[in-house]
């Protein structure tokens, strides 16, 4: 049974640059690095209201990709200001992957995604369900 998001793993050829970029994007420092001695092969941030984990791994350890396209799955992070967050990511060197797209019946679910400077797809979303859960509302209800 799936119980919730544990860790999102991204890969980067230049882990030090990825650490700087994501520190700027997220507004928090990585709380963990491995190994502790020498240059890390893995860093991890805790992000957001539930401290979800974003791990960035040296690309030497990445599973093989197909072609030169960004890797498959897109994980969406809830953000309060979709347009502003997208603009900020683009200003920090990300490239647009998919523009802001409104989904469903007009109840407020909207997404966008970028490709970070390291080739990963980073999804952002305005998600009323997330806000309802955060506010203690019942599962399945939107704010």
Protein backbone atom coordinates (compact mmCIF):
# COMPACT_ATOMS: atom_id res chain seq x y z
CA UNK A 1 0.00 0.00 0.00
CA UNK A 2 1.28 3.45 -0.88
CA UNK A 3 1.23 5.64 2.21
CA UNK A 4 2.85 8.87 1.03
CA UNK A 5 5.84 10.42 -0.63
CA UNK A 6 9.13 9.37 0.98
CA UNK A 7 12.05 10.56 -1.16
CA UNK A 8 12.36 12.01 -4.63
CA UNK A 9 15.72 11.27 -6.26
CA UNK A 10 17.25 13.49 -8.92
CA UNK A 11 20.65 13.09 -10.56
CA UNK A 12 23.29 15.68 -11.43
CA UNK A 13 26.66 15.59 -13.20
CA UNK A 14 27.82 18.46 -10.97
CA UNK A 15 26.53 17.73 -7.48
CA UNK A 16 28.09 20.88 -5.99
CA UNK A 17 26.30 23.05 -8.56
CA UNK A 18 23.04 21.15 -7.97
CA UNK A 19 23.39 21.72 -4.23
CA UNK A 20 23.85 25.47 -4.75
CA UNK A 21 20.94 25.68 -7.21
CA UNK A 22 18.48 23.72 -5.08
CA UNK A 23 19.54 25.60 -1.93
CA UNK A 24 18.60 28.80 -3.76
CA UNK A 25 15.34 27.35 -5.18
CA UNK A 26 14.17 25.77 -1.91
CA UNK A 27 15.49 28.38 0.50
CA UNK A 28 16.99 25.69 2.79
CA UNK A 29 20.37 24.03 3.07
CA UNK A 30 20.83 20.32 2.46
CA UNK A 31 20.67 18.62 5.85
CA UNK A 32 22.48 15.42 4.85
CA UNK A 33 25.43 14.44 2.66
CA UNK A 34 27.08 11.07 2.05
CA UNK A 35 29.84 10.27 2.44
CA UNK A 36 30.65 12.73 5.19
CA UNK A 37 34.34 12.85 4.22
CA UNK A 38 35.33 14.19 0.79
CA UNK A 39 32.99 15.19 -2.02
CA UNK A 40 29.49 13.78 -1.50
CA UNK A 41 27.82 11.33 -3.88
CA UNK A 42 24.39 12.11 -2.37
CA UNK A 43 22.80 15.14 -0.72
CA UNK A 44 19.35 15.48 0.74
CA UNK A 45 16.99 18.34 1.49
CA UNK A 46 13.85 18.28 3.64
CA UNK A 47 11.19 20.38 2.00
CA UNK A 48 7.78 21.78 2.83
CA UNK A 49 5.13 21.28 5.45
CA UNK A 50 5.75 17.55 5.85
CA UNK A 51 9.52 17.67 5.28
CA UNK A 52 9.42 15.54 2.15
CA UNK A 53 12.88 14.41 1.10
CA UNK A 54 14.58 15.53 -2.10
CA UNK A 55 17.77 13.57 -2.72
CA UNK A 56 20.26 14.52 -5.39
CA UNK A 57 22.64 11.79 -6.46
CA UNK A 58 25.87 12.03 -8.44
CA UNK A 59 24.91 11.11 -12.02
CA UNK A 60 27.59 8.38 -12.06
CA UNK A 61 25.06 6.30 -10.08
CA UNK A 62 22.03 7.07 -12.26
CA UNK A 63 20.10 4.34 -14.00
CA UNK A 64 20.46 4.48 -17.79
CA UNK A 65 18.25 6.92 -19.70
CA UNK A 66 16.76 6.54 -23.13
CA UNK A 67 18.24 9.13 -25.45
CA UNK A 68 19.03 12.66 -24.31
CA UNK A 69 15.57 13.40 -22.91
CA UNK A 70 14.95 14.15 -19.21
CA UNK A 71 14.14 11.09 -17.11
CA UNK A 72 10.58 9.71 -17.03
CA UNK A 73 8.35 10.43 -14.03
CA UNK A 74 7.33 13.89 -12.94
CA UNK A 75 6.77 14.53 -9.26
CA UNK A 76 4.68 17.61 -8.57
CA UNK A 77 5.27 19.82 -5.55
CA UNK A 78 2.39 21.93 -4.31
CA UNK A 79 3.17 25.67 -4.49
CA UNK A 80 0.93 28.57 -3.52
CA UNK A 81 1.95 30.84 -6.43
CA UNK A 82 2.27 28.71 -9.56
CA UNK A 83 2.98 31.57 -11.97
CA UNK A 84 5.50 33.20 -9.63
CA UNK A 85 7.28 29.92 -8.86
CA UNK A 86 7.54 29.07 -12.55
CA UNK A 87 8.99 32.51 -13.31
CA UNK A 88 11.51 32.15 -10.48
CA UNK A 89 12.64 28.70 -11.65
CA UNK A 90 13.12 30.01 -15.19
CA UNK A 91 15.08 33.01 -13.88
CA UNK A 92 17.38 30.61 -12.02
CA UNK A 93 18.29 28.73 -15.19
CA UNK A 94 15.63 26.04 -15.53
CA UNK A 95 14.03 25.51 -18.96
CA UNK A 96 10.30 25.22 -19.47
CA UNK A 97 9.19 21.62 -19.95
CA UNK A 98 5.41 22.16 -19.92
CA UNK A 99 3.64 25.51 -19.52
CA UNK A 100 0.98 26.20 -16.90
CA UNK A 101 -1.89 23.86 -17.64
CA UNK A 102 -5.30 23.88 -15.94
CA UNK A 103 -6.81 20.45 -15.33
CA UNK A 104 -10.18 18.91 -14.63
CA UNK A 105 -13.41 20.68 -13.89
CA UNK A 106 -12.00 24.10 -13.02
CA UNK A 107 -11.58 23.29 -9.31
CA UNK A 108 -8.09 24.78 -9.21
CA UNK A 109 -5.73 21.95 -10.15
CA UNK A 110 -3.00 23.52 -12.30
CA UNK A 111 0.47 22.26 -13.18
CA UNK A 112 3.69 23.30 -14.90
CA UNK A 113 7.11 21.71 -15.14
CA UNK A 114 10.68 22.68 -15.88
CA UNK A 115 13.89 20.86 -16.67
CA UNK A 116 16.44 21.79 -14.04
CA UNK A 117 20.02 22.64 -15.08
CA UNK A 118 20.93 18.99 -14.44
CA UNK A 119 18.36 17.36 -16.76
CA UNK A 120 15.65 16.44 -14.23
CA UNK A 121 11.98 17.31 -14.64
CA UNK A 122 10.70 19.35 -11.69
CA UNK A 123 6.91 19.60 -11.49
CA UNK A 124 5.01 22.31 -9.64
CA UNK A 125 1.31 22.36 -8.95
CA UNK A 126 -1.46 24.32 -7.30
CA UNK A 127 -3.43 21.56 -5.60
CA UNK A 128 -6.57 22.39 -3.55
CA UNK A 129 -6.62 18.84 -2.15
CA UNK A 130 -3.17 19.37 -0.62
CA UNK A 131 -4.42 22.53 1.08
CA UNK A 132 -7.48 20.73 2.40
CA UNK A 133 -5.37 17.97 3.93
CA UNK A 134 -2.97 20.53 5.39
CA UNK A 135 -5.91 22.32 7.00
CA UNK A 136 -7.13 19.05 8.51
CA UNK A 137 -9.99 18.53 6.08
CA UNK A 138 -11.30 15.13 5.12
CA UNK A 139 -9.58 13.09 2.43
CA UNK A 140 -11.22 13.67 -0.95
CA UNK A 141 -12.45 17.18 -0.15
CA UNK A 142 -10.89 20.24 -1.80
CA UNK A 143 -10.38 23.64 -0.20
